[in-house]
């Protein structure tokens, strides 16, 4: 059920696609059931939605726990916490970051186009940026 897709990088600068463009190409918003099935025992990685030049890698467990790391020019920041998918298909990840102990809540909708997965801020605005995600089985 899990499919690998290359990280977004339409060009050397990693040009981003909008939600409208993705939907026009036939992408569909993932349902709660689809996303839960795709994330259980999965490593998800890709470019940061909010911080240019950053990359994320998170491991999702079926019990709703998540661990991961965000890397950018300022260093490496570890995350540990929980994840869930609401009935609407909205993905929610709540983590504590180290160093620092900051609490973070991330909300995303996920879209599928063929074997490729995309994350977007929780909006239906067509100009919203989407970021390709790689889903791989956890080892």
Protein backbone atom coordinates (compact mmCIF):
# COMPACT_ATOMS: atom_id res chain seq x y z
CA UNK A 1 0.00 0.00 0.00
CA UNK A 2 2.90 2.36 0.67
CA UNK A 3 4.44 3.92 -2.39
CA UNK A 4 7.71 5.78 -2.63
CA UNK A 5 7.95 9.06 -4.51
CA UNK A 6 10.96 11.24 -5.14
CA UNK A 7 11.21 14.44 -3.13
CA UNK A 8 9.88 17.52 -4.88
CA UNK A 9 12.49 19.14 -7.02
CA UNK A 10 11.17 20.32 -10.33
CA UNK A 11 14.44 22.12 -10.83
CA UNK A 12 17.66 22.89 -9.03
CA UNK A 13 15.91 25.41 -6.81
CA UNK A 14 13.15 22.93 -5.88
CA UNK A 15 10.31 24.94 -7.44
CA UNK A 16 7.02 24.53 -5.63
CA UNK A 17 3.65 23.67 -7.07
CA UNK A 18 0.35 25.18 -5.93
CA UNK A 19 -2.60 23.18 -4.63
CA UNK A 20 -4.67 24.33 -7.61
CA UNK A 21 -2.07 23.05 -10.07
CA UNK A 22 -1.88 19.74 -8.22
CA UNK A 23 -5.69 19.34 -8.21
CA UNK A 24 -5.84 20.27 -11.91
CA UNK A 25 -3.45 17.37 -12.58
CA UNK A 26 -5.91 15.00 -10.87
CA UNK A 27 -4.70 14.82 -7.26
CA UNK A 28 -7.23 13.89 -4.57
CA UNK A 29 -7.33 14.77 -0.88
CA UNK A 30 -6.64 11.67 1.19
CA UNK A 31 -9.39 10.40 3.46
CA UNK A 32 -8.83 9.63 7.12
CA UNK A 33 -8.74 5.87 6.42
CA UNK A 34 -6.25 6.26 3.55
CA UNK A 35 -3.91 8.50 5.52
CA UNK A 36 -3.98 6.39 8.69
CA UNK A 37 -3.18 3.28 6.63
CA UNK A 38 -0.39 5.08 4.77
CA UNK A 39 1.28 6.50 7.89
CA UNK A 40 1.29 3.50 10.22
CA UNK A 41 4.84 2.12 10.51
CA UNK A 42 6.02 4.69 7.99
CA UNK A 43 8.92 7.10 7.67
CA UNK A 44 7.82 10.34 6.01
CA UNK A 45 10.39 12.80 4.71
CA UNK A 46 10.58 15.93 2.58
CA UNK A 47 11.20 19.66 2.49
CA UNK A 48 9.89 21.85 5.30
CA UNK A 49 6.62 23.61 4.52
CA UNK A 50 7.50 26.69 6.56
CA UNK A 51 11.28 27.01 6.54
CA UNK A 52 13.05 27.24 3.21
CA UNK A 53 16.11 25.02 3.11
CA UNK A 54 14.82 22.81 5.94
CA UNK A 55 14.09 19.10 5.72
CA UNK A 56 11.93 16.84 7.86
CA UNK A 57 11.99 13.11 8.62
CA UNK A 58 9.38 11.59 10.93
CA UNK A 59 8.66 7.98 11.96
CA UNK A 60 5.02 7.12 12.66
CA UNK A 61 3.89 4.21 14.86
CA UNK A 62 0.42 2.59 14.85
CA UNK A 63 -0.05 3.53 18.53
CA UNK A 64 -0.15 7.22 17.58
CA UNK A 65 3.40 8.12 18.60
CA UNK A 66 5.88 9.92 16.39
CA UNK A 67 9.57 10.76 16.55
CA UNK A 68 11.52 12.77 14.06
CA UNK A 69 13.99 15.44 13.17
CA UNK A 70 13.98 18.81 11.43
CA UNK A 71 17.30 19.95 9.94
CA UNK A 72 18.33 23.31 8.55
CA UNK A 73 21.35 25.62 8.56
CA UNK A 74 20.77 26.31 12.27
CA UNK A 75 21.14 22.65 13.27
CA UNK A 76 19.11 19.59 14.07
CA UNK A 77 15.93 19.66 16.14
CA UNK A 78 14.45 16.42 17.48
CA UNK A 79 10.70 15.94 17.86
CA UNK A 80 8.76 13.41 19.95
CA UNK A 81 5.01 13.27 20.48
CA UNK A 82 1.76 12.05 19.00
CA UNK A 83 -0.09 12.03 15.70
CA UNK A 84 -3.71 11.56 14.65
CA UNK A 85 -5.97 12.04 11.66
CA UNK A 86 -9.33 13.71 12.21
CA UNK A 87 -12.52 12.56 10.46
CA UNK A 88 -12.09 15.35 7.88
CA UNK A 89 -8.72 13.87 6.88
CA UNK A 90 -6.82 16.63 8.70
CA UNK A 91 -3.48 15.32 9.94
CA UNK A 92 -2.35 16.65 13.35
CA UNK A 93 1.12 16.14 14.83
CA UNK A 94 1.86 17.43 18.36
CA UNK A 95 5.49 17.25 19.44
CA UNK A 96 8.01 18.57 21.92
CA UNK A 97 11.22 19.82 20.34
CA UNK A 98 14.73 19.36 21.74
CA UNK A 99 16.77 21.28 22.38
CA UNK A 100 14.50 23.89 23.89
CA UNK A 101 11.39 22.00 24.93
CA UNK A 102 9.08 23.98 22.65
CA UNK A 103 5.68 22.42 21.90
CA UNK A 104 4.70 22.30 18.22
CA UNK A 105 1.38 21.48 16.61
CA UNK A 106 1.39 20.90 12.87
CA UNK A 107 -1.77 20.51 10.80
CA UNK A 108 -1.80 19.35 7.19
CA UNK A 109 -4.00 17.92 4.51
CA UNK A 110 -2.42 15.25 2.36
CA UNK A 111 -3.07 14.66 -1.34
CA UNK A 112 -2.26 11.73 -3.59
CA UNK A 113 -1.46 11.87 -7.29
CA UNK A 114 -0.71 8.40 -8.62
CA UNK A 115 2.01 7.03 -6.35
CA UNK A 116 3.09 10.47 -5.11
CA UNK A 117 2.06 12.09 -1.83
CA UNK A 118 1.86 15.82 -1.08
CA UNK A 119 1.38 17.85 2.10
CA UNK A 120 -0.31 21.25 2.27
CA UNK A 121 -1.37 23.72 4.92
CA UNK A 122 -4.98 23.06 6.03
CA UNK A 123 -6.70 25.23 3.45
CA UNK A 124 -8.59 24.77 0.21
CA UNK A 125 -7.06 27.91 -1.33
CA UNK A 126 -5.77 27.07 -4.79
CA UNK A 127 -2.60 29.16 -4.40
CA UNK A 128 -1.48 27.22 -1.29
CA UNK A 129 1.95 25.62 -1.72
CA UNK A 130 2.22 21.84 -1.72
CA UNK A 131 5.29 19.82 -0.85
CA UNK A 132 6.01 16.32 -2.03
CA UNK A 133 6.47 13.69 0.68
CA UNK A 134 8.28 10.40 0.55
CA UNK A 135 6.51 7.59 2.45
CA UNK A 136 8.71 4.56 3.17
CA UNK A 137 8.13 1.52 5.41
CA UNK A 138 9.76 1.78 8.83
CA UNK A 139 12.62 -0.65 9.33
